[in-house]
PDB file of N, CA and C in Angstrom:
ATOM      1  N   UNK A   1       0.846  -1.232   0.098  1.00  0.00           N
ATOM      2  CA  UNK A   1       0.058  -0.030   0.052  1.00  0.00           C
ATOM      3  C   UNK A   1       0.712   1.620  -0.107  1.00  0.00           C
ATOM      4  N   UNK A   2       0.516   2.321  -0.735  1.00  0.00           N
ATOM      5  CA  UNK A   2       0.897   3.409  -0.924  1.00  0.00           C
ATOM      6  C   UNK A   2       1.018   4.129   0.475  1.00  0.00           C
ATOM      7  N   UNK A   3       1.771   5.188   0.286  1.00  0.00           N
ATOM      8  CA  UNK A   3       2.138   5.998   1.514  1.00  0.00           C
ATOM      9  C   UNK A   3       0.979   7.299   1.692  1.00  0.00           C
ATOM     10  N   UNK A   4       0.160   7.072   0.421  1.00  0.00           N
ATOM     11  CA  UNK A   4      -0.747   7.993   0.471  1.00  0.00           C
ATOM     12  C   UNK A   4      -2.069   7.203   1.055  1.00  0.00           C
ATOM     13  N   UNK A   5      -2.282   6.283   0.408  1.00  0.00           N
ATOM     14  CA  UNK A   5      -3.092   5.286   0.848  1.00  0.00           C
ATOM     15  C   UNK A   5      -3.188   5.130   2.094  1.00  0.00           C
ATOM     16  N   UNK A   6      -2.145   4.931   2.669  1.00  0.00           N
ATOM     17  CA  UNK A   6      -2.201   4.626   4.002  1.00  0.00           C
ATOM     18  C   UNK A   6      -3.006   6.092   4.635  1.00  0.00           C
ATOM     19  N   UNK A   7      -2.211   7.024   4.244  1.00  0.00           N
ATOM     20  CA  UNK A   7      -2.535   8.385   5.000  1.00  0.00           C
ATOM     21  C   UNK A   7      -4.195   8.788   5.084  1.00  0.00           C
ATOM     22  N   UNK A   8      -4.977   8.617   3.946  1.00  0.00           N
ATOM     23  CA  UNK A   8      -6.088   8.477   4.171  1.00  0.00           C
ATOM     24  C   UNK A   8      -6.602   7.449   4.526  1.00  0.00           C
ATOM     25  N   UNK A   9      -6.368   6.333   4.746  1.00  0.00           N
ATOM     26  CA  UNK A   9      -6.770   5.182   5.099  1.00  0.00           C
ATOM     27  C   UNK A   9      -6.924   5.637   6.603  1.00  0.00           C
ATOM     28  N   UNK A  10      -5.842   6.152   7.523  1.00  0.00           N
ATOM     29  CA  UNK A  10      -5.826   6.560   8.447  1.00  0.00           C
ATOM     30  C   UNK A  10      -6.906   7.604   9.294  1.00  0.00           C
ATOM     31  N   UNK A  11      -6.650   9.083   8.043  1.00  0.00           N
ATOM     32  CA  UNK A  11      -7.556  10.007   8.285  1.00  0.00           C
ATOM     33  C   UNK A  11      -9.184   9.297   8.432  1.00  0.00           C
ATOM     34  N   UNK A  12      -9.670   8.341   7.281  1.00  0.00           N
ATOM     35  CA  UNK A  12     -10.951   7.902   7.593  1.00  0.00           C
ATOM     36  C   UNK A  12     -11.260   7.115   8.799  1.00  0.00           C
ATOM     37  N   UNK A  13     -10.429   6.380   9.052  1.00  0.00           N
ATOM     38  CA  UNK A  13     -10.145   5.571  10.669  1.00  0.00           C
ATOM     39  C   UNK A  13     -10.721   6.443  11.477  1.00  0.00           C
ATOM     40  N   UNK A  14      -9.986   7.461  11.950  1.00  0.00           N
ATOM     41  CA  UNK A  14      -9.929   8.567  12.947  1.00  0.00           C
ATOM     42  C   UNK A  14     -11.228   9.263  12.678  1.00  0.00           C
ATOM     43  N   UNK A  15     -11.670   9.654  11.224  1.00  0.00           N
ATOM     44  CA  UNK A  15     -12.561  10.539  11.346  1.00  0.00           C
ATOM     45  C   UNK A  15     -14.279   9.647  11.693  1.00  0.00           C
ATOM     46  N   UNK A  16     -14.145   8.537  11.237  1.00  0.00           N
ATOM     47  CA  UNK A  16     -15.195   7.336  11.015  1.00  0.00           C
ATOM     48  C   UNK A  16     -15.314   7.289  12.487  1.00  0.00           C
ATOM     49  N   UNK A  17     -14.627   7.208  13.369  1.00  0.00           N
ATOM     50  CA  UNK A  17     -14.440   6.909  14.837  1.00  0.00           C
ATOM     51  C   UNK A  17     -14.968   8.066  15.611  1.00  0.00           C
ATOM     52  N   UNK A  18     -14.449   8.790  15.151  1.00  0.00           N
ATOM     53  CA  UNK A  18     -15.349  10.340  15.988  1.00  0.00           C
ATOM     54  C   UNK A  18     -16.691  10.431  15.611  1.00  0.00           C
ATOM     55  N   UNK A  19     -16.999  10.332  14.438  1.00  0.00           N
ATOM     56  CA  UNK A  19     -18.338  10.265  13.981  1.00  0.00           C
ATOM     57  C   UNK A  19     -19.642   9.472  14.687  1.00  0.00           C
ATOM     58  N   UNK A  20     -18.886   7.795  14.627  1.00  0.00           N
ATOM     59  CA  UNK A  20     -19.861   7.146  15.334  1.00  0.00           C
ATOM     60  C   UNK A  20     -19.927   7.119  16.774  1.00  0.00           C
ATOM     61  N   UNK A  21     -18.725   7.496  17.483  1.00  0.00           N
ATOM     62  CA  UNK A  21     -19.043   7.899  18.655  1.00  0.00           C
ATOM     63  C   UNK A  21     -19.585   8.946  19.154  1.00  0.00           C
ATOM     64  N   UNK A  22     -19.872   9.768  17.954  1.00  0.00           N
ATOM     65  CA  UNK A  22     -20.878  10.930  18.343  1.00  0.00           C
ATOM     66  C   UNK A  22     -22.503  10.544  18.392  1.00  0.00           C
ATOM     67  N   UNK A  23     -22.839   9.733  17.363  1.00  0.00           N
ATOM     68  CA  UNK A  23     -24.248   9.529  16.661  1.00  0.00           C
ATOM     69  C   UNK A  23     -24.674   8.387  16.952  1.00  0.00           C
ATOM     70  N   UNK A  24     -23.768   7.495  17.333  1.00  0.00           N
ATOM     71  CA  UNK A  24     -24.353   6.096  17.526  1.00  0.00           C
ATOM     72  C   UNK A  24     -24.199   6.034  18.964  1.00  0.00           C
ATOM     73  N   UNK A  25     -24.209   6.735  20.105  1.00  0.00           N
ATOM     74  CA  UNK A  25     -23.905   6.117  21.522  1.00  0.00           C
ATOM     75  C   UNK A  25     -25.216   5.716  22.055  1.00  0.00           C
ATOM     76  N   UNK A  26     -24.588   4.543  22.629  1.00  0.00           N
ATOM     77  CA  UNK A  26     -26.055   3.314  23.240  1.00  0.00           C
ATOM     78  C   UNK A  26     -25.342   2.790  24.572  1.00  0.00           C
ATOM     79  N   UNK A  27     -26.191   2.414  25.348  1.00  0.00           N
ATOM     80  CA  UNK A  27     -25.750   1.670  26.547  1.00  0.00           C
ATOM     81  C   UNK A  27     -24.887   0.048  26.582  1.00  0.00           C
ATOM     82  N   UNK A  28     -24.072  -0.201  26.867  1.00  0.00           N
ATOM     83  CA  UNK A  28     -23.741  -1.450  27.225  1.00  0.00           C
ATOM     84  C   UNK A  28     -23.175  -2.234  25.403  1.00  0.00           C
ATOM     85  N   UNK A  29     -22.741  -1.036  24.437  1.00  0.00           N
ATOM     86  CA  UNK A  29     -22.143  -1.415  23.563  1.00  0.00           C
ATOM     87  C   UNK A  29     -20.989  -0.080  22.843  1.00  0.00           C
ATOM     88  N   UNK A  30     -19.845  -0.961  22.644  1.00  0.00           N
ATOM     89  CA  UNK A  30     -18.970  -0.145  22.398  1.00  0.00           C
ATOM     90  C   UNK A  30     -18.446  -0.561  21.105  1.00  0.00           C
ATOM     91  N   UNK A  31     -18.283   0.428  20.312  1.00  0.00           N
ATOM     92  CA  UNK A  31     -18.222   0.773  18.667  1.00  0.00           C
ATOM     93  C   UNK A  31     -16.794   0.816  18.152  1.00  0.00           C
ATOM     94  N   UNK A  32     -16.190   0.163  17.739  1.00  0.00           N
ATOM     95  CA  UNK A  32     -14.778   0.615  17.451  1.00  0.00           C
ATOM     96  C   UNK A  32     -14.270   0.131  15.749  1.00  0.00           C
ATOM     97  N   UNK A  33     -13.639   1.179  15.103  1.00  0.00           N
ATOM     98  CA  UNK A  33     -13.519   1.380  13.967  1.00  0.00           C
ATOM     99  C   UNK A  33     -11.968   0.315  13.511  1.00  0.00           C
ATOM    100  N   UNK A  34     -12.422  -0.983  13.217  1.00  0.00           N
ATOM    101  CA  UNK A  34     -11.118  -2.014  13.270  1.00  0.00           C
ATOM    102  C   UNK A  34     -10.004  -1.702  12.068  1.00  0.00           C
ATOM    103  N   UNK A  35     -10.508  -1.485  11.241  1.00  0.00           N
ATOM    104  CA  UNK A  35      -9.358  -0.801   9.981  1.00  0.00           C
ATOM    105  C   UNK A  35     -10.421  -0.518   8.741  1.00  0.00           C
ATOM    106  N   UNK A  36      -9.603   0.002   7.659  1.00  0.00           N
ATOM    107  CA  UNK A  36     -10.399   1.046   6.744  1.00  0.00           C
ATOM    108  C   UNK A  36      -9.617   0.848   5.829  1.00  0.00           C
ATOM    109  N   UNK A  37     -10.156   0.434   4.504  1.00  0.00           N
ATOM    110  CA  UNK A  37      -9.603   0.035   3.579  1.00  0.00           C
ATOM    111  C   UNK A  37      -9.654   0.718   2.035  1.00  0.00           C
ATOM    112  N   UNK A  38      -8.774   1.488   1.203  1.00  0.00           N
ATOM    113  CA  UNK A  38      -9.237   2.495   0.645  1.00  0.00           C
ATOM    114  C   UNK A  38      -8.742   1.505  -0.825  1.00  0.00           C
ATOM    115  N   UNK A  39      -9.541   1.877  -1.610  1.00  0.00           N
ATOM    116  CA  UNK A  39      -9.056   1.343  -3.171  1.00  0.00           C
ATOM    117  C   UNK A  39      -7.690   2.290  -3.548  1.00  0.00           C
ATOM    118  N   UNK A  40      -6.995   1.761  -4.508  1.00  0.00           N
ATOM    119  CA  UNK A  40      -5.951   2.716  -5.056  1.00  0.00           C
ATOM    120  C   UNK A  40      -6.283   4.002  -5.817  1.00  0.00           C
ATOM    121  N   UNK A  41      -7.493   3.973  -6.145  1.00  0.00           N
ATOM    122  CA  UNK A  41      -8.009   4.997  -7.130  1.00  0.00           C
ATOM    123  C   UNK A  41      -8.676   6.120  -6.260  1.00  0.00           C
ATOM    124  N   UNK A  42      -8.500   5.910  -4.763  1.00  0.00           N
ATOM    125  CA  UNK A  42      -9.371   6.658  -3.686  1.00  0.00           C
ATOM    126  C   UNK A  42     -10.809   6.939  -3.815  1.00  0.00           C
ATOM    127  N   UNK A  43     -11.724   6.197  -4.815  1.00  0.00           N
ATOM    128  CA  UNK A  43     -13.479   6.168  -4.999  1.00  0.00           C
ATOM    129  C   UNK A  43     -13.846   5.440  -4.175  1.00  0.00           C
ATOM    130  N   UNK A  44     -13.449   4.195  -3.580  1.00  0.00           N
ATOM    131  CA  UNK A  44     -13.974   3.353  -2.624  1.00  0.00           C
ATOM    132  C   UNK A  44     -13.122   3.034  -1.260  1.00  0.00           C
ATOM    133  N   UNK A  45     -13.902   2.931   0.113  1.00  0.00           N
ATOM    134  CA  UNK A  45     -13.392   2.247   0.852  1.00  0.00           C
ATOM    135  C   UNK A  45     -14.256   1.622   1.808  1.00  0.00           C
ATOM    136  N   UNK A  46     -13.706   0.574   2.688  1.00  0.00           N
ATOM    137  CA  UNK A  46     -14.544  -0.199   3.044  1.00  0.00           C
ATOM    138  C   UNK A  46     -13.860  -0.030   4.669  1.00  0.00           C
ATOM    139  N   UNK A  47     -15.363   0.243   5.665  1.00  0.00           N
ATOM    140  CA  UNK A  47     -14.923   0.512   6.726  1.00  0.00           C
ATOM    141  C   UNK A  47     -15.457  -0.557   7.960  1.00  0.00           C
ATOM    142  N   UNK A  48     -14.397  -1.048   8.444  1.00  0.00           N
ATOM    143  CA  UNK A  48     -14.547  -2.385   9.511  1.00  0.00           C
ATOM    144  C   UNK A  48     -14.766  -2.188  10.767  1.00  0.00           C
ATOM    145  N   UNK A  49     -16.208  -2.310  10.948  1.00  0.00           N
ATOM    146  CA  UNK A  49     -16.379  -2.397  12.801  1.00  0.00           C
ATOM    147  C   UNK A  49     -16.525  -3.153  13.390  1.00  0.00           C
ATOM    148  N   UNK A  50     -15.905  -3.136  14.989  1.00  0.00           N
ATOM    149  CA  UNK A  50     -16.210  -4.141  15.672  1.00  0.00           C
ATOM    150  C   UNK A  50     -17.368  -3.323  16.624  1.00  0.00           C
ATOM    151  N   UNK A  51     -18.404  -4.607  17.124  1.00  0.00           N
ATOM    152  CA  UNK A  51     -19.065  -4.191  18.022  1.00  0.00           C
ATOM    153  C   UNK A  51     -19.560  -5.114  19.198  1.00  0.00           C
ATOM    154  N   UNK A  52     -18.674  -4.394  20.458  1.00  0.00           N
ATOM    155  CA  UNK A  52     -18.630  -5.231  21.918  1.00  0.00           C
ATOM    156  C   UNK A  52     -19.929  -4.986  22.622  1.00  0.00           C
ATOM    157  N   UNK A  53     -20.439  -5.942  22.892  1.00  0.00           N
ATOM    158  CA  UNK A  53     -21.856  -5.783  23.919  1.00  0.00           C
ATOM    159  C   UNK A  53     -22.775  -6.429  23.645  1.00  0.00           C
ATOM    160  N   UNK A  54     -23.778  -5.839  24.333  1.00  0.00           N
ATOM    161  CA  UNK A  54     -25.212  -6.601  23.907  1.00  0.00           C
ATOM    162  C   UNK A  54     -25.423  -5.688  22.336  1.00  0.00           C
ATOM    163  N   UNK A  55     -25.692  -6.376  21.769  1.00  0.00           N
ATOM    164  CA  UNK A  55     -26.359  -5.461  20.150  1.00  0.00           C
ATOM    165  C   UNK A  55     -27.679  -5.750  19.765  1.00  0.00           C
ATOM    166  N   UNK A  56     -28.036  -4.724  20.049  1.00  0.00           N
ATOM    167  CA  UNK A  56     -29.646  -4.662  19.509  1.00  0.00           C
ATOM    168  C   UNK A  56     -29.658  -5.293  17.551  1.00  0.00           C
ATOM    169  N   UNK A  57     -30.506  -5.893  17.479  1.00  0.00           N
ATOM    170  CA  UNK A  57     -30.615  -6.422  15.680  1.00  0.00           C
ATOM    171  C   UNK A  57     -30.452  -4.975  15.011  1.00  0.00           C
ATOM    172  N   UNK A  58     -31.123  -4.043  15.624  1.00  0.00           N
ATOM    173  CA  UNK A  58     -31.857  -2.955  14.577  1.00  0.00           C
ATOM    174  C   UNK A  58     -30.529  -2.003  14.699  1.00  0.00           C
ATOM    175  N   UNK A  59     -29.586  -2.660  15.524  1.00  0.00           N
ATOM    176  CA  UNK A  59     -28.489  -1.864  15.321  1.00  0.00           C
ATOM    177  C   UNK A  59     -27.272  -1.497  14.050  1.00  0.00           C
ATOM    178  N   UNK A  60     -26.975  -2.710  13.878  1.00  0.00           N
ATOM    179  CA  UNK A  60     -26.002  -3.110  12.238  1.00  0.00           C
ATOM    180  C   UNK A  60     -26.778  -2.693  11.206  1.00  0.00           C
ATOM    181  N   UNK A  61     -28.307  -2.740  10.990  1.00  0.00           N
ATOM    182  CA  UNK A  61     -29.056  -2.355   9.951  1.00  0.00           C
ATOM    183  C   UNK A  61     -28.941  -1.028   9.853  1.00  0.00           C
ATOM    184  N   UNK A  62     -28.890  -0.348  10.668  1.00  0.00           N
ATOM    185  CA  UNK A  62     -29.103   1.481  11.226  1.00  0.00           C
ATOM    186  C   UNK A  62     -27.625   2.067  10.407  1.00  0.00           C
ATOM    187  N   UNK A  63     -26.568   1.220  11.303  1.00  0.00           N
ATOM    188  CA  UNK A  63     -24.831   1.523  10.791  1.00  0.00           C
ATOM    189  C   UNK A  63     -24.793   1.332   9.398  1.00  0.00           C
ATOM    190  N   UNK A  64     -25.578   0.080   8.741  1.00  0.00           N
ATOM    191  CA  UNK A  64     -25.273  -0.071   7.448  1.00  0.00           C
ATOM    192  C   UNK A  64     -25.510   0.979   6.540  1.00  0.00           C
ATOM    193  N   UNK A  65     -26.727   1.312   6.837  1.00  0.00           N
ATOM    194  CA  UNK A  65     -27.926   2.535   6.131  1.00  0.00           C
ATOM    195  C   UNK A  65     -27.318   3.616   6.585  1.00  0.00           C
ATOM    196  N   UNK A  66     -27.476   4.465   7.837  1.00  0.00           N
ATOM    197  CA  UNK A  66     -27.077   5.566   7.921  1.00  0.00           C
ATOM    198  C   UNK A  66     -25.268   6.222   7.935  1.00  0.00           C
ATOM    199  N   UNK A  67     -24.605   5.143   8.603  1.00  0.00           N
ATOM    200  CA  UNK A  67     -23.439   5.589   8.907  1.00  0.00           C
ATOM    201  C   UNK A  67     -22.862   6.180   7.799  1.00  0.00           C
ATOM    202  N   UNK A  68     -22.399   5.476   6.709  1.00  0.00           N
ATOM    203  CA  UNK A  68     -21.755   6.061   5.636  1.00  0.00           C
ATOM    204  C   UNK A  68     -21.800   7.231   5.069  1.00  0.00           C
ATOM    205  N   UNK A  69     -23.095   7.775   4.936  1.00  0.00           N
ATOM    206  CA  UNK A  69     -23.633   9.230   4.759  1.00  0.00           C
ATOM    207  C   UNK A  69     -23.192  10.235   5.941  1.00  0.00           C
ATOM    208  N   UNK A  70     -23.613   9.599   6.986  1.00  0.00           N
ATOM    209  CA  UNK A  70     -23.097  10.454   7.931  1.00  0.00           C
ATOM    210  C   UNK A  70     -21.024  10.949   8.187  1.00  0.00           C
ATOM    211  N   UNK A  71     -20.542   9.724   8.134  1.00  0.00           N
ATOM    212  CA  UNK A  71     -19.401  10.119   8.129  1.00  0.00           C
ATOM    213  C   UNK A  71     -18.873  10.610   6.275  1.00  0.00           C
ATOM    214  N   UNK A  72     -19.049  10.466   5.354  1.00  0.00           N
ATOM    215  CA  UNK A  72     -18.964  11.154   4.371  1.00  0.00           C
ATOM    216  C   UNK A  72     -19.295  12.636   4.427  1.00  0.00           C
ATOM    217  N   UNK A  73     -20.356  13.205   4.801  1.00  0.00           N
ATOM    218  CA  UNK A  73     -20.878  14.280   4.942  1.00  0.00           C
ATOM    219  C   UNK A  73     -19.430  15.014   6.145  1.00  0.00           C
ATOM    220  N   UNK A  74     -19.185  14.453   7.150  1.00  0.00           N
ATOM    221  CA  UNK A  74     -18.202  15.086   8.078  1.00  0.00           C
ATOM    222  C   UNK A  74     -17.378  15.250   7.192  1.00  0.00           C
ATOM    223  N   UNK A  75     -16.667  14.014   6.589  1.00  0.00           N
ATOM    224  CA  UNK A  75     -15.386  14.435   6.444  1.00  0.00           C
ATOM    225  C   UNK A  75     -15.149  15.580   4.962  1.00  0.00           C
ATOM    226  N   UNK A  76     -16.367  15.732   4.142  1.00  0.00           N
ATOM    227  CA  UNK A  76     -16.858  16.806   3.008  1.00  0.00           C
ATOM    228  C   UNK A  76     -16.103  18.204   3.687  1.00  0.00           C
ATOM    229  N   UNK A  77     -17.246  18.419   4.825  1.00  0.00           N
ATOM    230  CA  UNK A  77     -16.528  19.492   6.064  1.00  0.00           C
ATOM    231  C   UNK A  77     -15.481  19.793   6.389  1.00  0.00           C
ATOM    232  N   UNK A  78     -14.800  18.685   7.446  1.00  0.00           N
ATOM    233  CA  UNK A  78     -13.838  18.709   8.046  1.00  0.00           C
ATOM    234  C   UNK A  78     -12.327  18.143   7.513  1.00  0.00           C
ATOM    235  N   UNK A  79     -12.292  18.033   6.306  1.00  0.00           N
ATOM    236  CA  UNK A  79     -11.375  17.793   5.755  1.00  0.00           C
ATOM    237  C   UNK A  79     -10.724  18.418   4.460  1.00  0.00           C
ATOM    238  N   UNK A  80      -9.551  17.860   3.893  1.00  0.00           N
ATOM    239  CA  UNK A  80      -9.167  18.371   2.882  1.00  0.00           C
ATOM    240  C   UNK A  80      -9.523  17.625   1.558  1.00  0.00           C
ATOM    241  N   UNK A  81     -10.025  16.672   1.559  1.00  0.00           N
ATOM    242  CA  UNK A  81      -9.896  15.423   0.286  1.00  0.00           C
ATOM    243  C   UNK A  81     -10.689  16.206  -0.794  1.00  0.00           C
ATOM    244  N   UNK A  82     -10.072  15.703  -1.517  1.00  0.00           N
ATOM    245  CA  UNK A  82     -10.876  16.285  -3.293  1.00  0.00           C
ATOM    246  C   UNK A  82     -12.307  15.783  -3.701  1.00  0.00           C
ATOM    247  N   UNK A  83     -11.970  14.257  -2.985  1.00  0.00           N
ATOM    248  CA  UNK A  83     -13.447  13.728  -3.105  1.00  0.00           C
ATOM    249  C   UNK A  83     -13.292  12.777  -2.200  1.00  0.00           C
ATOM    250  N   UNK A  84     -14.393  12.568  -1.528  1.00  0.00           N
ATOM    251  CA  UNK A  84     -15.053  11.779  -0.559  1.00  0.00           C
ATOM    252  C   UNK A  84     -15.441  10.598  -1.173  1.00  0.00           C
ATOM    253  N   UNK A  85     -14.442   9.504  -0.411  1.00  0.00           N
ATOM    254  CA  UNK A  85     -14.868   7.968  -1.034  1.00  0.00           C
ATOM    255  C   UNK A  85     -15.936   6.904  -0.812  1.00  0.00           C
ATOM    256  N   UNK A  86     -16.411   6.461  -1.518  1.00  0.00           N
ATOM    257  CA  UNK A  86     -17.901   5.997  -1.504  1.00  0.00           C
ATOM    258  C   UNK A  86     -17.631   4.886  -0.283  1.00  0.00           C
ATOM    259  N   UNK A  87     -18.677   5.059   1.012  1.00  0.00           N
ATOM    260  CA  UNK A  87     -17.870   4.540   2.233  1.00  0.00           C
ATOM    261  C   UNK A  87     -18.992   3.193   2.224  1.00  0.00           C
ATOM    262  N   UNK A  88     -18.568   2.048   2.842  1.00  0.00           N
ATOM    263  CA  UNK A  88     -19.318   0.877   2.843  1.00  0.00           C
ATOM    264  C   UNK A  88     -18.765   0.216   4.062  1.00  0.00           C
ATOM    265  N   UNK A  89     -20.029  -0.272   4.745  1.00  0.00           N
ATOM    266  CA  UNK A  89     -19.694  -0.476   6.409  1.00  0.00           C
ATOM    267  C   UNK A  89     -19.578  -2.040   6.148  1.00  0.00           C
ATOM    268  N   UNK A  90     -18.491  -2.468   6.810  1.00  0.00           N
ATOM    269  CA  UNK A  90     -18.540  -4.158   7.013  1.00  0.00           C
ATOM    270  C   UNK A  90     -18.403  -4.154   8.457  1.00  0.00           C
ATOM    271  N   UNK A  91     -18.639  -5.235   8.916  1.00  0.00           N
ATOM    272  CA  UNK A  91     -18.613  -5.920  10.286  1.00  0.00           C
ATOM    273  C   UNK A  91     -17.543  -6.752  10.520  1.00  0.00           C
ATOM    274  N   UNK A  92     -16.494  -7.140  11.728  1.00  0.00           N
ATOM    275  CA  UNK A  92     -15.449  -7.471  11.777  1.00  0.00           C
ATOM    276  C   UNK A  92     -15.903  -8.071  13.228  1.00  0.00           C
ATOM    277  N   UNK A  93     -16.159  -9.297  13.015  1.00  0.00           N
ATOM    278  CA  UNK A  93     -16.946 -10.261  14.291  1.00  0.00           C
ATOM    279  C   UNK A  93     -15.936 -11.156  14.753  1.00  0.00           C
ATOM    280  N   UNK A  94     -14.695 -10.760  14.936  1.00  0.00           N
ATOM    281  CA  UNK A  94     -13.426 -11.538  15.266  1.00  0.00           C
ATOM    282  C   UNK A  94     -13.260 -11.380  16.871  1.00  0.00           C
ATOM    283  N   UNK A  95     -14.368 -10.745  17.064  1.00  0.00           N
ATOM    284  CA  UNK A  95     -13.622 -10.352  18.830  1.00  0.00           C
ATOM    285  C   UNK A  95     -14.857 -11.118  19.453  1.00  0.00           C
ATOM    286  N   UNK A  96     -15.917 -11.045  18.876  1.00  0.00           N
ATOM    287  CA  UNK A  96     -17.235 -11.810  19.614  1.00  0.00           C
ATOM    288  C   UNK A  96     -16.527 -13.331  19.502  1.00  0.00           C
ATOM    289  N   UNK A  97     -16.448 -13.551  18.226  1.00  0.00           N
ATOM    290  CA  UNK A  97     -15.844 -15.205  17.945  1.00  0.00           C
ATOM    291  C   UNK A  97     -14.887 -15.672  18.912  1.00  0.00           C
ATOM    292  N   UNK A  98     -13.984 -15.005  19.260  1.00  0.00           N
ATOM    293  CA  UNK A  98     -12.901 -14.987  20.290  1.00  0.00           C
ATOM    294  C   UNK A  98     -13.584 -15.473  21.621  1.00  0.00           C
ATOM    295  N   UNK A  99     -14.407 -14.561  21.858  1.00  0.00           N
ATOM    296  CA  UNK A  99     -15.195 -14.232  23.161  1.00  0.00           C
ATOM    297  C   UNK A  99     -15.668 -16.022  23.086  1.00  0.00           C
ATOM    298  N   UNK A 100     -16.323 -16.177  22.424  1.00  0.00           N
ATOM    299  CA  UNK A 100     -17.162 -17.541  22.269  1.00  0.00           C
ATOM    300  C   UNK A 100     -16.545 -18.422  22.395  1.00  0.00           C
ATOM    301  N   UNK A 101     -15.457 -18.511  21.438  1.00  0.00           N
ATOM    302  CA  UNK A 101     -14.405 -19.762  21.755  1.00  0.00           C
ATOM    303  C   UNK A 101     -13.908 -20.098  23.008  1.00  0.00           C
ATOM    304  N   UNK A 102     -13.495 -18.827  23.671  1.00  0.00           N
ATOM    305  CA  UNK A 102     -12.846 -18.806  25.137  1.00  0.00           C
ATOM    306  C   UNK A 102     -13.914 -19.214  25.872  1.00  0.00           C
ATOM    307  N   UNK A 103     -15.111 -18.771  25.733  1.00  0.00           N
ATOM    308  CA  UNK A 103     -16.340 -19.242  26.870  1.00  0.00           C
ATOM    309  C   UNK A 103     -16.287 -20.926  26.998  1.00  0.00           C
ATOM    310  N   UNK A 104     -16.473 -21.353  25.511  1.00  0.00           N
ATOM    311  CA  UNK A 104     -16.465 -22.663  25.338  1.00  0.00           C
ATOM    312  C   UNK A 104     -15.143 -23.728  25.911  1.00  0.00           C
ATOM    313  N   UNK A 105     -13.816 -22.852  25.925  1.00  0.00           N
ATOM    314  CA  UNK A 105     -12.352 -23.860  26.538  1.00  0.00           C
ATOM    315  C   UNK A 105     -13.030 -23.823  28.186  1.00  0.00           C
ATOM    316  N   UNK A 106     -13.127 -22.642  28.805  1.00  0.00           N
ATOM    317  CA  UNK A 106     -13.624 -22.637  29.787  1.00  0.00           C
ATOM    318  C   UNK A 106     -14.823 -23.370  30.638  1.00  0.00           C
ATOM    319  N   UNK A 107     -15.831 -23.662  29.810  1.00  0.00           N
ATOM    320  CA  UNK A 107     -16.645 -24.471  29.886  1.00  0.00           C
ATOM    321  C   UNK A 107     -16.344 -25.938  30.010  1.00  0.00           C
ATOM    322  N   UNK A 108     -15.459 -26.197  29.017  1.00  0.00           N
ATOM    323  CA  UNK A 108     -14.694 -27.814  29.030  1.00  0.00           C
ATOM    324  C   UNK A 108     -14.055 -28.108  29.807  1.00  0.00           C
ATOM    325  N   UNK A 109     -13.341 -27.254  30.919  1.00  0.00           N
ATOM    326  CA  UNK A 109     -12.282 -27.589  31.572  1.00  0.00           C
ATOM    327  C   UNK A 109     -13.217 -27.809  32.796  1.00  0.00           C
TER     328      UNK A 109
END
């Protein structure tokens, strides 16, 4: 990955985390922006989120629909990017999977 792509990805990750922490405040749930992958032409970006806690079903659907627009609007106002990439929200369930495996191992002992 080029240095420019790394910088844009880091900027997107930082700004996405800021927007999500402000707009999607819920009890007993932590949202984390795990990583951001940017296409080489800077037109598309995938934002990987991790949800920790008791997740309501409608939260994922709301994040997939509303979050890209909120993040893009914030980026267009607060950064000097020439064009804001088309954002797609994806979920990283590795922490939930690791917790489940850990619980299974503990119960087997």
